[in-house]
Amino acid sequence: MAESKTAEGKYLACCEVCGRWREVPCTPQWADRFFFYWQAEFTCCGRRQAALFAAEKEDDDIH
């Protein structure tokens, strides 16, 4: 699983081969009581890779 981070509203993943950070498209996966999760699949250095993103829910979202 590739390293991931968010910056300036963008989802970024780090290639496990070359170490280059790149913006990736994400799709929602699931949510639990406290977090939302997204996953990105991308190809870099001829290798298919995936990255997982998590964001804490705001107090308003927790019921």
C-alpha atoms as a PDB file:
ATOM      1  CA  MET A   1       0.000   0.000   0.000  1.00  0.00           C
ATOM      2  CA  ALA A   2       1.443   3.356  -1.031  1.00  0.00           C
ATOM      3  CA  GLU A   3       1.944   6.159   1.484  1.00  0.00           C
ATOM      4  CA  SER A   4      -0.775   8.818   1.280  1.00  0.00           C
ATOM      5  CA  LYS A   5      -1.496  12.356   2.431  1.00  0.00           C
ATOM      6  CA  THR A   6      -3.816  15.254   1.702  1.00  0.00           C
ATOM      7  CA  ALA A   7      -2.621  18.774   1.009  1.00  0.00           C
ATOM      8  CA  GLU A   8      -4.544  21.843  -0.144  1.00  0.00           C
ATOM      9  CA  GLY A   9      -7.633  19.716  -0.804  1.00  0.00           C
ATOM     10  CA  LYS A  10      -5.721  17.247  -3.019  1.00  0.00           C
ATOM     11  CA  TYR A  11      -5.200  13.530  -2.478  1.00  0.00           C
ATOM     12  CA  LEU A  12      -1.535  12.616  -2.917  1.00  0.00           C
ATOM     13  CA  ALA A  13       0.084   9.180  -3.077  1.00  0.00           C
ATOM     14  CA  CYS A  14       3.780   8.301  -3.059  1.00  0.00           C
ATOM     15  CA  CYS A  15       5.042   5.758  -5.595  1.00  0.00           C
ATOM     16  CA  GLU A  16       6.613   2.787  -3.796  1.00  0.00           C
ATOM     17  CA  VAL A  17       9.282   2.507  -6.530  1.00  0.00           C
ATOM     18  CA  CYS A  18      10.486   6.038  -7.351  1.00  0.00           C
ATOM     19  CA  GLY A  19       9.170   7.948  -4.310  1.00  0.00           C
ATOM     20  CA  ARG A  20       7.414  10.597  -6.430  1.00  0.00           C
ATOM     21  CA  TRP A  21       4.289  12.174  -4.917  1.00  0.00           C
ATOM     22  CA  ARG A  22       1.408  12.481  -7.370  1.00  0.00           C
ATOM     23  CA  GLU A  23      -2.201  13.631  -7.230  1.00  0.00           C
ATOM     24  CA  VAL A  24      -4.569  10.673  -7.495  1.00  0.00           C
ATOM     25  CA  PRO A  25      -8.340  10.314  -8.003  1.00  0.00           C
ATOM     26  CA  CYS A  26     -10.141   8.729  -5.045  1.00  0.00           C
ATOM     27  CA  THR A  27     -13.339   6.788  -4.636  1.00  0.00           C
ATOM     28  CA  PRO A  28     -15.276   6.542  -1.376  1.00  0.00           C
ATOM     29  CA  GLN A  29     -14.955   3.115   0.222  1.00  0.00           C
ATOM     30  CA  TRP A  30     -16.632   3.007   3.634  1.00  0.00           C
ATOM     31  CA  ALA A  31     -17.175   4.893   6.865  1.00  0.00           C
ATOM     32  CA  ASP A  32     -17.208   3.917  10.487  1.00  0.00           C
ATOM     33  CA  ARG A  33     -18.300   5.796  13.559  1.00  0.00           C
ATOM     34  CA  PHE A  34     -15.395   8.250  13.506  1.00  0.00           C
ATOM     35  CA  PHE A  35     -13.787   8.213  10.028  1.00  0.00           C
ATOM     36  CA  PHE A  36     -14.524   8.349   6.290  1.00  0.00           C
ATOM     37  CA  TYR A  37     -12.249   6.258   4.043  1.00  0.00           C
ATOM     38  CA  TRP A  38     -11.295   6.668   0.362  1.00  0.00           C
ATOM     39  CA  GLN A  39      -9.071   4.571  -1.869  1.00  0.00           C
ATOM     40  CA  ALA A  40      -7.018   5.515  -4.901  1.00  0.00           C
ATOM     41  CA  GLU A  41      -5.589   3.152  -7.486  1.00  0.00           C
ATOM     42  CA  PHE A  42      -2.856   4.454  -9.770  1.00  0.00           C
ATOM     43  CA  THR A  43      -0.010   3.277 -11.978  1.00  0.00           C
ATOM     44  CA  CYS A  44       3.540   4.580 -11.678  1.00  0.00           C
ATOM     45  CA  CYS A  45       6.857   3.009 -12.745  1.00  0.00           C
ATOM     46  CA  GLY A  46       4.886   0.342 -14.610  1.00  0.00           C
ATOM     47  CA  ARG A  47       3.348  -0.906 -11.375  1.00  0.00           C
ATOM     48  CA  ARG A  48      -0.289  -0.779 -10.272  1.00  0.00           C
ATOM     49  CA  GLN A  49      -0.518   0.642  -6.734  1.00  0.00           C
ATOM     50  CA  ALA A  50      -3.161   1.629  -4.193  1.00  0.00           C
ATOM     51  CA  ALA A  51      -3.356   4.199  -1.413  1.00  0.00           C
ATOM     52  CA  LEU A  52      -5.856   4.561   1.422  1.00  0.00           C
ATOM     53  CA  PHE A  53      -7.038   7.908   2.800  1.00  0.00           C
ATOM     54  CA  ALA A  54      -8.918   8.563   6.042  1.00  0.00           C
ATOM     55  CA  ALA A  55     -10.580  11.713   7.327  1.00  0.00           C
ATOM     56  CA  GLU A  56     -12.004  12.192  10.785  1.00  0.00           C
ATOM     57  CA  LYS A  57     -15.707  12.966  10.878  1.00  0.00           C
ATOM     58  CA  GLU A  58     -16.722  16.286  12.316  1.00  0.00           C
ATOM     59  CA  ASP A  59     -18.749  16.355  15.538  1.00  0.00           C
ATOM     60  CA  ASP A  60     -21.848  17.206  13.482  1.00  0.00           C
ATOM     61  CA  ASP A  61     -21.503  13.914  11.545  1.00  0.00           C
ATOM     62  CA  ILE A  62     -21.394  11.666  14.622  1.00  0.00           C
ATOM     63  CA  HIS A  63     -24.858  10.644  15.793  1.00  0.00           C
END
